[in-house]
Amino acid sequence: MIKKLLLISIGFLLCTYQSVCSQNGTTQNSARSTIGVSGSSEKINVNNQTYVVQQSIGQASVIGTFSSNGSTVIQGFLHPYVWSSIIDKELPLNLTASIYPNPFSERLQAVFDDTVETPINVEVYDVLGKQVYTQQFEASQKIDFKLYGLSDTVYILKLTANNKQFVQRILKK
């Protein structure tokens, strides 16, 4: 029974991984890994194809994003890689900002560490990559925006200014 359940789980995870890779159009740029006491990653070969099988139970560590030299590392829960459709590959991910409160109920504030000299574009996406909010603000060091009518769940916030971008998960409660 346990072997059967394990094989079914691996098959499901392989299908999920193939779906994730097809979202960004290539498997060459997909390097995903889970480590720690609450998850694991294993590479397996099937029909001359290499797949990464992942499992995660809970999340005991921080969630964040780091980008350097054209590569993006996302640490957090396993999820489809929708960031590839949200992040503009032409702009660096080095706009620095503080977002609060997070979790939020209806309003968010963004305070920029950089001097903002261009209009600020704010976009919010659901976890499937669908844009649920967009607004443009004049250049400012601090913006305040209301996100009414959104369900209580995780969203992805994207801020663009100064030909740079900032992307972070936000939680509506």
N, C-alpha and C. Protein backbone atom coordinates (compact mmCIF):
# COMPACT_ATOMS: atom_id res chain seq x y z
N MET A 1 0.83 -1.20 0.00
CA MET A 1 0.00 0.00 0.00
C MET A 1 0.87 1.26 0.00
N ILE A 2 1.92 1.26 0.82
CA ILE A 2 2.79 2.43 0.90
C ILE A 2 3.52 2.62 -0.42
N LYS A 3 3.99 1.53 -1.05
CA LYS A 3 4.67 1.64 -2.33
C LYS A 3 3.74 2.22 -3.39
N LYS A 4 2.49 1.76 -3.40
CA LYS A 4 1.52 2.24 -4.37
C LYS A 4 1.28 3.74 -4.17
N LEU A 5 1.12 4.16 -2.92
CA LEU A 5 0.91 5.57 -2.62
C LEU A 5 2.12 6.39 -3.03
N LEU A 6 3.32 5.89 -2.77
CA LEU A 6 4.54 6.59 -3.16
C LEU A 6 4.64 6.73 -4.67
N LEU A 7 4.33 5.69 -5.42
CA LEU A 7 4.37 5.77 -6.89
C LEU A 7 3.35 6.75 -7.44
N ILE A 8 2.16 6.75 -6.87
CA ILE A 8 1.13 7.70 -7.29
C ILE A 8 1.59 9.12 -7.00
N SER A 9 2.18 9.34 -5.82
CA SER A 9 2.68 10.67 -5.46
C SER A 9 3.77 11.13 -6.40
N ILE A 10 4.70 10.23 -6.72
CA ILE A 10 5.79 10.59 -7.64
C ILE A 10 5.23 10.92 -9.01
N GLY A 11 4.28 10.12 -9.50
CA GLY A 11 3.65 10.40 -10.79
C GLY A 11 2.97 11.75 -10.81
N PHE A 12 2.24 12.06 -9.74
CA PHE A 12 1.58 13.36 -9.64
C PHE A 12 2.60 14.49 -9.64
N LEU A 13 3.66 14.31 -8.86
CA LEU A 13 4.68 15.35 -8.78
C LEU A 13 5.39 15.54 -10.11
N LEU A 14 5.62 14.45 -10.85
CA LEU A 14 6.25 14.58 -12.16
C LEU A 14 5.37 15.37 -13.11
N CYS A 15 4.08 15.09 -13.09
CA CYS A 15 3.16 15.85 -13.94
C CYS A 15 3.14 17.31 -13.52
N THR A 16 3.14 17.56 -12.23
CA THR A 16 3.16 18.93 -11.73
C THR A 16 4.44 19.63 -12.16
N TYR A 17 5.59 18.94 -12.05
CA TYR A 17 6.86 19.55 -12.43
C TYR A 17 6.87 19.87 -13.92
N GLN A 18 6.36 18.95 -14.75
CA GLN A 18 6.32 19.22 -16.18
C GLN A 18 5.45 20.44 -16.46
N SER A 19 4.34 20.56 -15.76
CA SER A 19 3.46 21.71 -15.93
C SER A 19 4.16 22.99 -15.51
N VAL A 20 4.92 22.96 -14.42
CA VAL A 20 5.64 24.13 -13.95
C VAL A 20 6.68 24.54 -14.98
N CYS A 21 7.43 23.58 -15.52
CA CYS A 21 8.46 23.90 -16.51
C CYS A 21 7.84 24.47 -17.77
N SER A 22 6.67 23.97 -18.16
CA SER A 22 6.07 24.48 -19.38
C SER A 22 5.56 25.90 -19.20
N GLN A 23 5.33 26.34 -17.95
CA GLN A 23 4.88 27.70 -17.73
C GLN A 23 5.93 28.71 -18.15
N ASN A 24 7.21 28.41 -17.91
CA ASN A 24 8.21 29.38 -18.32
C ASN A 24 8.89 28.97 -19.61
N GLY A 25 8.40 27.91 -20.25
CA GLY A 25 8.82 27.57 -21.59
C GLY A 25 10.08 26.75 -21.72
N THR A 26 10.77 26.48 -20.64
CA THR A 26 12.01 25.72 -20.74
C THR A 26 12.32 25.03 -19.43
N THR A 27 12.95 23.88 -19.53
CA THR A 27 13.39 23.21 -18.32
C THR A 27 14.82 23.59 -18.01
N GLN A 28 15.55 24.18 -18.94
CA GLN A 28 16.94 24.53 -18.71
C GLN A 28 17.08 25.60 -17.64
N ASN A 29 16.10 26.48 -17.52
CA ASN A 29 16.18 27.56 -16.54
C ASN A 29 15.46 27.23 -15.25
N SER A 30 14.93 26.01 -15.12
CA SER A 30 14.18 25.64 -13.94
C SER A 30 15.07 24.84 -13.00
N ALA A 31 15.52 25.46 -11.96
CA ALA A 31 16.30 24.76 -10.94
C ALA A 31 15.57 24.97 -9.63
N ARG A 32 14.86 23.96 -9.17
CA ARG A 32 14.05 24.10 -7.98
C ARG A 32 14.51 23.09 -6.96
N SER A 33 14.51 23.50 -5.72
CA SER A 33 14.99 22.60 -4.69
C SER A 33 14.34 22.94 -3.37
N THR A 34 14.10 21.93 -2.57
CA THR A 34 13.58 22.10 -1.22
C THR A 34 14.50 21.36 -0.29
N ILE A 35 14.96 22.05 0.76
CA ILE A 35 15.80 21.39 1.74
C ILE A 35 15.28 21.71 3.12
N GLY A 36 15.70 20.97 4.12
CA GLY A 36 15.30 21.25 5.48
C GLY A 36 14.52 20.10 6.07
N VAL A 37 14.11 20.27 7.32
CA VAL A 37 13.43 19.21 8.03
C VAL A 37 12.00 19.03 7.56
N SER A 38 11.45 20.01 6.87
CA SER A 38 10.05 19.92 6.48
C SER A 38 9.86 19.65 5.00
N GLY A 39 10.91 19.24 4.29
CA GLY A 39 10.75 18.96 2.88
C GLY A 39 12.00 18.33 2.31
N SER A 40 11.92 17.92 1.06
CA SER A 40 13.09 17.34 0.40
C SER A 40 12.93 17.44 -1.10
N SER A 41 14.06 17.27 -1.80
CA SER A 41 14.09 17.26 -3.26
C SER A 41 14.93 16.07 -3.70
N GLU A 42 14.51 15.41 -4.74
CA GLU A 42 15.26 14.31 -5.32
C GLU A 42 15.22 14.42 -6.83
N LYS A 43 16.35 14.18 -7.48
CA LYS A 43 16.40 14.11 -8.94
C LYS A 43 16.24 12.66 -9.35
N ILE A 44 15.38 12.41 -10.33
CA ILE A 44 15.22 11.06 -10.86
C ILE A 44 15.29 11.12 -12.38
N ASN A 45 15.71 10.05 -12.99
CA ASN A 45 15.80 9.96 -14.44
C ASN A 45 14.76 8.97 -14.94
N VAL A 46 13.96 9.39 -15.91
CA VAL A 46 12.94 8.54 -16.53
C VAL A 46 13.01 8.79 -18.02
N ASN A 47 13.23 7.73 -18.80
CA ASN A 47 13.31 7.83 -20.26
C ASN A 47 14.27 8.93 -20.72
N ASN A 48 15.45 8.93 -20.16
CA ASN A 48 16.51 9.90 -20.49
C ASN A 48 16.12 11.35 -20.19
N GLN A 49 15.17 11.54 -19.31
CA GLN A 49 14.77 12.89 -18.87
C GLN A 49 15.04 12.97 -17.37
N THR A 50 15.55 14.11 -16.93
CA THR A 50 15.79 14.31 -15.50
C THR A 50 14.66 15.16 -14.94
N TYR A 51 14.09 14.69 -13.83
CA TYR A 51 13.00 15.40 -13.16
C TYR A 51 13.40 15.65 -11.71
N VAL A 52 12.88 16.74 -11.15
CA VAL A 52 13.07 17.01 -9.74
C VAL A 52 11.74 16.77 -9.05
N VAL A 53 11.74 15.87 -8.09
CA VAL A 53 10.54 15.57 -7.31
C VAL A 53 10.70 16.27 -5.98
N GLN A 54 9.69 17.05 -5.60
CA GLN A 54 9.77 17.83 -4.37
C GLN A 54 8.58 17.53 -3.48
N GLN A 55 8.81 17.64 -2.20
CA GLN A 55 7.71 17.58 -1.25
C GLN A 55 8.00 18.57 -0.14
N SER A 56 6.95 19.15 0.38
CA SER A 56 7.10 20.14 1.44
C SER A 56 5.98 19.95 2.44
N ILE A 57 6.34 19.94 3.71
CA ILE A 57 5.35 19.83 4.77
C ILE A 57 5.51 21.05 5.66
N GLY A 58 4.61 21.99 5.52
CA GLY A 58 4.71 23.21 6.31
C GLY A 58 5.82 24.11 5.81
N GLN A 59 6.03 25.21 6.48
CA GLN A 59 7.11 26.14 6.12
C GLN A 59 7.61 26.75 7.40
N ALA A 60 8.80 26.35 7.82
CA ALA A 60 9.34 26.83 9.09
C ALA A 60 10.33 27.98 8.93
N SER A 61 10.58 28.40 7.70
CA SER A 61 11.59 29.43 7.50
C SER A 61 11.01 30.64 6.79
N VAL A 62 11.87 31.63 6.54
CA VAL A 62 11.43 32.86 5.90
C VAL A 62 11.09 32.63 4.44
N ILE A 63 10.35 33.54 3.87
CA ILE A 63 9.99 33.50 2.45
C ILE A 63 10.62 34.73 1.82
N GLY A 64 11.28 34.55 0.68
CA GLY A 64 11.90 35.70 0.06
C GLY A 64 12.35 35.43 -1.36
N THR A 65 12.83 36.46 -2.02
CA THR A 65 13.28 36.38 -3.41
C THR A 65 14.63 37.07 -3.51
N PHE A 66 15.55 36.47 -4.26
CA PHE A 66 16.85 37.06 -4.51
C PHE A 66 17.16 36.89 -5.98
N SER A 67 17.68 37.93 -6.62
CA SER A 67 18.00 37.86 -8.04
C SER A 67 19.39 38.42 -8.27
N SER A 68 20.17 37.70 -9.11
CA SER A 68 21.51 38.14 -9.44
C SER A 68 21.95 37.49 -10.74
N ASN A 69 22.60 38.24 -11.59
CA ASN A 69 23.14 37.72 -12.85
C ASN A 69 22.10 36.98 -13.69
N GLY A 70 20.88 37.48 -13.74
CA GLY A 70 19.85 36.88 -14.57
C GLY A 70 19.18 35.66 -13.99
N SER A 71 19.53 35.27 -12.76
CA SER A 71 18.90 34.12 -12.11
C SER A 71 18.10 34.61 -10.92
N THR A 72 16.96 33.99 -10.67
CA THR A 72 16.12 34.34 -9.55
C THR A 72 15.98 33.14 -8.64
N VAL A 73 16.19 33.34 -7.35
CA VAL A 73 16.03 32.29 -6.36
C VAL A 73 14.86 32.69 -5.48
N ILE A 74 13.87 31.80 -5.36
CA ILE A 74 12.70 32.05 -4.53
C ILE A 74 12.71 31.03 -3.41
N GLN A 75 12.65 31.50 -2.18
CA GLN A 75 12.62 30.60 -1.04
C GLN A 75 11.24 30.68 -0.43
N GLY A 76 10.59 29.55 -0.27
CA GLY A 76 9.26 29.56 0.33
C GLY A 76 8.50 28.31 -0.05
N PHE A 77 7.19 28.35 0.10
CA PHE A 77 6.34 27.21 -0.20
C PHE A 77 6.50 26.78 -1.66
N LEU A 78 6.30 25.52 -1.94
CA LEU A 78 6.29 25.05 -3.33
C LEU A 78 5.07 25.64 -4.02
N HIS A 79 5.25 26.13 -5.21
CA HIS A 79 4.15 26.71 -5.96
C HIS A 79 4.53 26.77 -7.42
N PRO A 80 3.56 26.86 -8.31
CA PRO A 80 3.90 27.02 -9.73
C PRO A 80 4.74 28.28 -9.91
N TYR A 81 5.66 28.23 -10.84
CA TYR A 81 6.56 29.35 -11.02
C TYR A 81 5.90 30.42 -11.88
N VAL A 82 4.91 31.10 -11.30
CA VAL A 82 4.21 32.17 -12.01
C VAL A 82 5.04 33.44 -12.06
N TRP A 83 6.08 33.51 -11.24
CA TRP A 83 6.92 34.70 -11.20
C TRP A 83 7.53 34.96 -12.57
N SER A 84 7.77 33.92 -13.35
CA SER A 84 8.38 34.11 -14.66
C SER A 84 7.47 34.93 -15.58
N SER A 85 6.17 34.87 -15.37
CA SER A 85 5.25 35.66 -16.18
C SER A 85 5.03 37.06 -15.60
N ILE A 86 5.42 37.27 -14.35
CA ILE A 86 5.22 38.55 -13.69
C ILE A 86 6.46 39.43 -13.77
N ILE A 87 7.62 38.83 -13.57
CA ILE A 87 8.87 39.58 -13.56
C ILE A 87 9.25 39.97 -14.98
N ASP A 88 9.56 41.25 -15.16
CA ASP A 88 10.03 41.76 -16.45
C ASP A 88 11.52 41.46 -16.56
N LYS A 89 11.88 40.58 -17.48
CA LYS A 89 13.27 40.15 -17.61
C LYS A 89 14.20 41.27 -18.10
N GLU A 90 13.62 42.37 -18.60
CA GLU A 90 14.42 43.50 -19.07
C GLU A 90 14.81 44.45 -17.94
N LEU A 91 14.14 44.33 -16.80
CA LEU A 91 14.41 45.24 -15.67
C LEU A 91 15.06 44.48 -14.52
N PRO A 92 16.04 45.09 -13.87
CA PRO A 92 16.65 44.42 -12.72
C PRO A 92 15.70 44.38 -11.54
N LEU A 93 15.87 43.37 -10.69
CA LEU A 93 15.06 43.20 -9.49
C LEU A 93 15.77 43.84 -8.30
N ASN A 94 16.16 45.09 -8.44
CA ASN A 94 16.92 45.71 -7.35
C ASN A 94 16.31 47.01 -6.85
N LEU A 95 15.02 47.21 -7.07
CA LEU A 95 14.32 48.31 -6.43
C LEU A 95 14.08 47.88 -4.98
N THR A 96 14.49 48.70 -4.04
CA THR A 96 14.33 48.32 -2.63
C THR A 96 13.20 49.10 -2.00
N ALA A 97 12.35 48.38 -1.28
CA ALA A 97 11.18 48.99 -0.65
C ALA A 97 10.78 48.17 0.57
N SER A 98 10.08 48.82 1.47
CA SER A 98 9.47 48.14 2.61
C SER A 98 7.96 48.20 2.43
N ILE A 99 7.30 47.07 2.58
CA ILE A 99 5.85 46.97 2.40
C ILE A 99 5.22 46.67 3.75
N TYR A 100 4.24 47.44 4.14
CA TYR A 100 3.56 47.16 5.40
C TYR A 100 2.16 47.72 5.38
N PRO A 101 1.25 47.21 6.21
CA PRO A 101 1.43 45.99 6.98
C PRO A 101 1.33 44.77 6.07
N ASN A 102 1.97 43.73 6.43
CA ASN A 102 1.88 42.47 5.68
C ASN A 102 1.90 41.35 6.69
N PRO A 103 0.77 40.74 6.95
CA PRO A 103 -0.51 40.75 6.24
C PRO A 103 -1.27 42.07 6.39
N PHE A 104 -2.15 42.31 5.40
CA PHE A 104 -2.93 43.55 5.37
C PHE A 104 -4.41 43.20 5.29
N SER A 105 -5.25 44.21 5.58
CA SER A 105 -6.69 43.97 5.43
C SER A 105 -7.25 44.71 4.22
N GLU A 106 -6.94 45.99 4.05
CA GLU A 106 -7.43 46.74 2.89
C GLU A 106 -6.40 47.69 2.30
N ARG A 107 -5.43 48.14 3.06
CA ARG A 107 -4.46 49.12 2.58
C ARG A 107 -3.04 48.62 2.77
N LEU A 108 -2.19 49.07 1.87
CA LEU A 108 -0.76 48.80 1.95
C LEU A 108 0.01 50.09 1.76
N GLN A 109 1.17 50.16 2.35
CA GLN A 109 2.09 51.27 2.13
C GLN A 109 3.39 50.70 1.61
N ALA A 110 4.01 51.42 0.70
CA ALA A 110 5.34 51.08 0.20
C ALA A 110 6.23 52.29 0.46
N VAL A 111 7.34 52.04 1.14
CA VAL A 111 8.32 53.08 1.41
C VAL A 111 9.60 52.65 0.70
N PHE A 112 10.10 53.51 -0.18
CA PHE A 112 11.25 53.17 -1.01
C PHE A 112 12.54 53.62 -0.35
N ASP A 113 13.55 52.75 -0.42
CA ASP A 113 14.88 53.10 0.06
C ASP A 113 15.60 53.95 -0.98
N ASP A 114 15.36 53.65 -2.26
CA ASP A 114 15.95 54.41 -3.35
C ASP A 114 15.21 55.73 -3.52
N THR A 115 15.88 56.73 -4.08
CA THR A 115 15.21 57.97 -4.45
C THR A 115 14.41 57.70 -5.72
N VAL A 116 13.11 57.84 -5.65
CA VAL A 116 12.23 57.54 -6.78
C VAL A 116 12.08 58.79 -7.64
N GLU A 117 12.45 58.64 -8.91
CA GLU A 117 12.44 59.78 -9.82
C GLU A 117 11.47 59.62 -10.98
N THR A 118 10.85 58.44 -11.11
CA THR A 118 9.90 58.19 -12.20
C THR A 118 8.58 57.74 -11.60
N PRO A 119 7.50 57.75 -12.41
CA PRO A 119 6.23 57.24 -11.90
C PRO A 119 6.37 55.80 -11.38
N ILE A 120 5.55 55.48 -10.40
CA ILE A 120 5.57 54.15 -9.77
C ILE A 120 4.37 53.36 -10.27
N ASN A 121 4.63 52.22 -10.85
CA ASN A 121 3.55 51.31 -11.27
C ASN A 121 3.38 50.23 -10.20
N VAL A 122 2.15 50.05 -9.76
CA VAL A 122 1.82 49.04 -8.77
C VAL A 122 0.93 48.00 -9.45
N GLU A 123 1.33 46.75 -9.35
CA GLU A 123 0.54 45.65 -9.90
C GLU A 123 0.42 44.57 -8.84
N VAL A 124 -0.76 43.97 -8.75
CA VAL A 124 -0.98 42.86 -7.82
C VAL A 124 -1.53 41.70 -8.63
N TYR A 125 -0.97 40.52 -8.39
CA TYR A 125 -1.35 39.30 -9.10
C TYR A 125 -1.79 38.24 -8.10
N ASP A 126 -2.72 37.39 -8.53
CA ASP A 126 -3.06 36.24 -7.70
C ASP A 126 -1.98 35.17 -7.89
N VAL A 127 -2.07 34.07 -7.17
CA VAL A 127 -1.01 33.06 -7.21
C VAL A 127 -0.96 32.30 -8.53
N LEU A 128 -1.93 32.49 -9.38
CA LEU A 128 -1.91 31.87 -10.70
C LEU A 128 -1.38 32.83 -11.77
N GLY A 129 -1.04 34.05 -11.37
CA GLY A 129 -0.45 35.01 -12.29
C GLY A 129 -1.45 35.95 -12.94
N LYS A 130 -2.70 35.93 -12.53
CA LYS A 130 -3.71 36.84 -13.08
C LYS A 130 -3.63 38.19 -12.36
N GLN A 131 -3.54 39.26 -13.14
CA GLN A 131 -3.47 40.60 -12.56
C GLN A 131 -4.83 40.97 -11.97
N VAL A 132 -4.84 41.35 -10.68
CA VAL A 132 -6.08 41.70 -10.00
C VAL A 132 -6.14 43.18 -9.61
N TYR A 133 -5.02 43.89 -9.79
CA TYR A 133 -4.97 45.31 -9.44
C TYR A 133 -3.82 45.96 -10.19
N THR A 134 -4.04 47.19 -10.66
CA THR A 134 -2.97 47.98 -11.25
C THR A 134 -3.28 49.45 -11.03
N GLN A 135 -2.25 50.22 -10.74
CA GLN A 135 -2.40 51.66 -10.56
C GLN A 135 -1.03 52.31 -10.73
N GLN A 136 -1.03 53.54 -11.23
CA GLN A 136 0.21 54.28 -11.37
C GLN A 136 0.18 55.49 -10.43
N PHE A 137 1.31 55.73 -9.75
CA PHE A 137 1.45 56.85 -8.83
C PHE A 137 2.57 57.75 -9.33
N GLU A 138 2.49 59.04 -8.97
CA GLU A 138 3.59 59.95 -9.28
C GLU A 138 4.79 59.58 -8.42
N ALA A 139 5.98 59.98 -8.86
CA ALA A 139 7.20 59.68 -8.12
C ALA A 139 7.09 60.19 -6.68
N SER A 140 7.43 59.32 -5.74
CA SER A 140 7.33 59.64 -4.32
C SER A 140 8.14 58.61 -3.54
N GLN A 141 8.54 58.96 -2.34
CA GLN A 141 9.28 58.00 -1.50
C GLN A 141 8.35 57.07 -0.75
N LYS A 142 7.04 57.42 -0.72
CA LYS A 142 6.07 56.63 0.02
C LYS A 142 4.74 56.68 -0.70
N ILE A 143 4.14 55.52 -0.93
CA ILE A 143 2.81 55.47 -1.53
C ILE A 143 1.89 54.65 -0.64
N ASP A 144 0.63 54.96 -0.71
CA ASP A 144 -0.41 54.31 0.08
C ASP A 144 -1.49 53.89 -0.90
N PHE A 145 -1.85 52.61 -0.92
CA PHE A 145 -2.88 52.18 -1.85
C PHE A 145 -3.83 51.19 -1.20
N LYS A 146 -5.07 51.22 -1.68
CA LYS A 146 -6.15 50.40 -1.12
C LYS A 146 -6.44 49.23 -2.05
N LEU A 147 -6.55 48.06 -1.47
CA LEU A 147 -6.85 46.85 -2.23
C LEU A 147 -8.18 46.27 -1.75
N TYR A 148 -9.26 46.96 -2.08
CA TYR A 148 -10.59 46.52 -1.67
C TYR A 148 -11.08 45.38 -2.56
N GLY A 149 -11.93 44.55 -2.01
CA GLY A 149 -12.60 43.53 -2.81
C GLY A 149 -11.78 42.29 -3.11
N LEU A 150 -10.59 42.17 -2.53
CA LEU A 150 -9.79 40.97 -2.76
C LEU A 150 -10.11 39.92 -1.70
N SER A 151 -10.07 38.67 -2.09
CA SER A 151 -10.28 37.57 -1.15
C SER A 151 -9.08 37.44 -0.22
N ASP A 152 -9.29 36.84 0.94
CA ASP A 152 -8.21 36.60 1.88
C ASP A 152 -7.34 35.46 1.37
N THR A 153 -6.16 35.79 0.86
CA THR A 153 -5.22 34.81 0.35
C THR A 153 -3.88 35.48 0.07
N VAL A 154 -2.97 34.75 -0.54
CA VAL A 154 -1.65 35.26 -0.89
C VAL A 154 -1.71 35.90 -2.28
N TYR A 155 -1.04 37.02 -2.43
CA TYR A 155 -0.92 37.71 -3.71
C TYR A 155 0.55 38.04 -3.96
N ILE A 156 0.85 38.45 -5.17
CA ILE A 156 2.19 38.87 -5.53
C ILE A 156 2.12 40.34 -5.90
N LEU A 157 2.91 41.15 -5.21
CA LEU A 157 2.97 42.59 -5.43
C LEU A 157 4.18 42.90 -6.28
N LYS A 158 3.98 43.69 -7.33
CA LYS A 158 5.09 44.13 -8.18
C LYS A 158 5.06 45.65 -8.25
N LEU A 159 6.20 46.26 -7.90
CA LEU A 159 6.37 47.70 -7.99
C LEU A 159 7.46 47.97 -9.02
N THR A 160 7.22 48.94 -9.90
CA THR A 160 8.20 49.31 -10.92
C THR A 160 8.41 50.81 -10.87
N ALA A 161 9.68 51.22 -10.78
CA ALA A 161 10.06 52.64 -10.81
C ALA A 161 11.55 52.71 -11.11
N ASN A 162 12.00 53.83 -11.64
CA ASN A 162 13.43 54.04 -11.93
C ASN A 162 14.01 52.93 -12.81
N ASN A 163 13.22 52.36 -13.68
CA ASN A 163 13.67 51.24 -14.52
C ASN A 163 14.20 50.07 -13.70
N LYS A 164 13.58 49.85 -12.54
CA LYS A 164 13.87 48.72 -11.66
C LYS A 164 12.54 48.15 -11.21
N GLN A 165 12.60 46.95 -10.64
CA GLN A 165 11.37 46.35 -10.13
C GLN A 165 11.59 45.71 -8.77
N PHE A 166 10.49 45.60 -8.05
CA PHE A 166 10.45 44.99 -6.71
C PHE A 166 9.27 44.02 -6.75
N VAL A 167 9.48 42.77 -6.31
CA VAL A 167 8.41 41.78 -6.29
C VAL A 167 8.42 41.10 -4.93
N GLN A 168 7.22 40.98 -4.32
CA GLN A 168 7.11 40.37 -3.00
C GLN A 168 5.75 39.75 -2.82
N ARG A 169 5.70 38.68 -2.05
CA ARG A 169 4.41 38.10 -1.67
C ARG A 169 3.77 38.97 -0.60
N ILE A 170 2.45 39.11 -0.71
CA ILE A 170 1.68 39.80 0.32
C ILE A 170 0.51 38.92 0.69
N LEU A 171 0.01 39.10 1.91
CA LEU A 171 -1.08 38.27 2.41
C LEU A 171 -2.23 39.16 2.84
N LYS A 172 -3.40 38.91 2.25
CA LYS A 172 -4.62 39.63 2.67
C LYS A 172 -5.32 38.77 3.71
N LYS A 173 -5.65 39.39 4.84
CA LYS A 173 -6.36 38.65 5.88
C LYS A 173 -7.65 39.34 6.26
